Amino acid sequence: MPIGYELIGEEVDRDSVSCSSWPEAAFAIDELAALNHSLKKDTIENAKRLVTFAKTRCVAPNEIGVGYWPTIRVIWSEFSIEVVALWDRYEFYHYFQGSTDIEEIDLLKDGFPDELKMLLDGALPILS
């Protein structure tokens, strides 16, 4: 599933990749990690942990992107989750009426945070 560009010589920065399924989201994380060498191993692993948890629970995101610190962003239309290994947390963003609410959730070394599970369950359609 190529993303439509190739890496020749130096690092290529790519901000985001569209996706419509969880396998595409997982592939996008790998591709963005390969092209953005500033992404830390912990960031990539925690983004994959999010995908592993969410793929059996809720609809796939519209986009996977690279944030500023650098982070990995998992993006839906009204919500996004940013994986911030620098501060060992997930950030849950809810966009509405020109405003943004942000919840910070600490990462867990073994498992997935209950607080983030509840936010996902309340924000996104649950798979049956």
Protein backbone atom coordinates (compact mmCIF):
# COMPACT_ATOMS: atom_id res chain seq x y z
CA MET A 1 0.00 0.00 0.00
CA PRO A 2 2.33 2.81 -1.08
CA ILE A 3 1.42 6.30 0.03
CA GLY A 4 2.32 7.89 -3.29
CA TYR A 5 5.89 9.11 -2.88
CA GLU A 6 9.27 7.52 -2.50
CA LEU A 7 12.19 8.11 -0.19
CA ILE A 8 15.38 8.93 -2.11
CA GLY A 9 18.50 9.91 -0.20
CA GLU A 10 17.56 12.25 2.65
CA GLU A 11 14.65 12.08 5.09
CA VAL A 12 11.29 13.19 3.72
CA ASP A 13 8.89 14.85 6.13
CA ARG A 14 5.26 13.94 5.64
CA ASP A 15 2.62 15.56 7.84
CA SER A 16 -0.25 13.11 7.46
CA VAL A 17 -1.72 10.16 5.60
CA SER A 18 -5.42 9.54 4.92
CA CYS A 19 -6.84 6.19 5.97
CA SER A 20 -10.19 4.45 6.08
CA SER A 21 -9.44 1.25 7.98
CA TRP A 22 -7.40 0.14 10.97
CA PRO A 23 -4.92 -1.83 8.80
CA GLU A 24 -4.33 1.36 6.79
CA ALA A 25 -3.86 3.29 10.04
CA ALA A 26 -1.24 0.80 11.26
CA PHE A 27 0.51 0.94 7.90
CA ALA A 28 0.47 4.76 8.00
CA ILE A 29 2.20 4.76 11.40
CA ASP A 30 4.98 2.56 10.02
CA GLU A 31 5.34 4.68 6.89
CA LEU A 32 5.42 7.97 8.80
CA ALA A 33 7.95 6.52 11.25
CA ALA A 34 10.19 5.43 8.36
CA LEU A 35 10.03 8.91 6.82
CA ASN A 36 10.26 10.98 10.01
CA HIS A 37 13.38 9.88 11.85
CA SER A 38 12.70 12.34 14.66
CA LEU A 39 9.82 10.13 15.89
CA LYS A 40 10.93 8.26 19.01
CA LYS A 41 10.54 4.50 19.41
CA ASP A 42 8.21 5.00 22.42
CA THR A 43 5.96 7.29 20.38
CA ILE A 44 5.65 4.70 17.61
CA GLU A 45 5.03 1.83 20.06
CA ASN A 46 2.35 3.76 21.97
CA ALA A 47 0.62 4.75 18.72
CA LYS A 48 0.57 1.07 17.73
CA ARG A 49 -0.81 0.18 21.18
CA LEU A 50 -3.64 2.67 20.55
CA VAL A 51 -4.39 1.05 17.17
CA THR A 52 -4.31 -2.45 18.69
CA PHE A 53 -6.80 -1.43 21.37
CA ALA A 54 -9.12 0.69 19.21
CA LYS A 55 -9.34 -1.53 16.11
CA THR A 56 -11.70 -3.97 17.84
CA ARG A 57 -13.68 -1.25 19.57
CA CYS A 58 -14.40 1.77 17.36
CA VAL A 59 -14.38 3.14 13.83
CA ALA A 60 -11.06 3.79 12.10
CA PRO A 61 -9.62 7.31 12.00
CA ASN A 62 -9.68 9.49 8.89
CA GLU A 63 -6.01 10.34 9.11
CA ILE A 64 -2.71 9.58 10.84
CA GLY A 65 -0.29 12.49 11.18
CA VAL A 66 2.94 13.69 12.72
CA GLY A 67 2.66 16.45 15.29
CA TYR A 68 5.08 19.09 16.51
CA TRP A 69 7.18 17.52 19.30
CA PRO A 70 7.24 15.11 17.25
CA THR A 71 4.18 13.12 18.07
CA ILE A 72 1.81 10.82 16.21
CA ARG A 73 -1.74 12.09 15.77
CA VAL A 74 -4.70 9.78 15.21
CA ILE A 75 -7.44 11.97 13.73
CA TRP A 76 -11.23 11.65 13.36
CA SER A 77 -13.48 14.52 12.25
CA GLU A 78 -14.36 15.85 15.74
CA PHE A 79 -11.66 14.16 17.81
CA SER A 80 -7.98 13.34 17.74
CA ILE A 81 -5.54 11.56 19.99
CA GLU A 82 -1.95 12.68 20.10
CA VAL A 83 0.70 10.24 21.33
CA VAL A 84 3.26 12.28 23.29
CA ALA A 85 6.14 10.06 24.40
CA LEU A 86 8.16 13.10 25.50
CA TRP A 87 5.79 13.53 28.47
CA ASP A 88 4.57 9.90 28.62
CA ARG A 89 0.96 10.65 27.82
CA TYR A 90 -1.88 10.60 25.32
CA GLU A 91 -3.71 13.84 24.63
CA PHE A 92 -7.37 13.54 23.67
CA TYR A 93 -8.66 16.53 21.65
CA HIS A 94 -12.39 17.22 21.19
CA TYR A 95 -13.18 19.91 18.58
CA PHE A 96 -16.56 21.65 18.69
CA GLN A 97 -18.07 25.03 17.81
CA GLY A 98 -14.68 26.66 17.26
CA SER A 99 -13.29 25.40 20.58
CA THR A 100 -11.07 22.53 21.67
CA ASP A 101 -11.15 20.54 24.90
CA ILE A 102 -7.95 18.66 25.75
CA GLU A 103 -7.65 15.77 28.21
CA GLU A 104 -4.20 14.48 29.19
CA ILE A 105 -3.97 10.76 30.01
CA ASP A 106 -0.82 9.13 31.41
CA LEU A 107 0.64 6.25 29.43
CA LEU A 108 0.77 2.80 30.97
CA LYS A 109 3.76 0.52 30.37
CA ASP A 110 1.57 -2.60 30.45
CA GLY A 111 -1.91 -2.05 29.10
CA PHE A 112 -4.13 0.74 27.93
CA PRO A 113 -5.43 3.56 30.16
CA ASP A 114 -9.02 3.14 31.36
CA GLU A 115 -9.56 6.90 31.12
CA LEU A 116 -8.72 6.83 27.40
CA LYS A 117 -10.98 3.79 26.90
CA MET A 118 -13.88 5.77 28.40
CA LEU A 119 -13.14 8.83 26.24
CA LEU A 120 -13.05 6.70 23.09
CA ASP A 121 -16.27 4.94 24.05
CA GLY A 122 -18.02 8.27 24.59
CA ALA A 123 -16.68 9.94 21.47
CA LEU A 124 -16.76 7.36 18.69
CA PRO A 125 -19.26 4.83 17.37
CA ILE A 126 -18.59 1.44 18.93
CA LEU A 127 -18.17 -1.57 16.65
CA SER A 128 -20.66 -4.35 17.22
